Amino acid sequence: MITIEEVKVYLGIDYADEGIDKRLEHLIKVSSEYLKGSIGGDFDLSDYRAKELALIVISDLYDNHDLNAKVSGTVRMLVNDFSLQLRMEMRRKNGI
């Protein structure tokens, strides 16, 4: 599981704010559920790509929480690539 401290470092948040902490806790849970659905339930956060993918998802959700936000195509491609790589590796690992 990713910690709030890791997310704050990733996002460049260097101050205490209870509201932001609650939002980040929520986004950590959302990213975990997203990755379970996208990659599979037993994805491994010790894999640096999986951890980076989780942080990217959290950052994207944190920064682009409204429908009017412009999202970088490069970030979306990176997310798709990481997700595909991890899914394929899990399939090979599980013999699927």
Foldseek 3Di string as FASTA:
>chain_A
DDDPVNLCVVLVNDDDDPVVNVLLVVLLVVLLVVLCVLQNNPQDCVPVLSVVLSSLSSNCCVVPVDPPDDDDPVSVVSNVVSSVVNNVVVCVVVVD
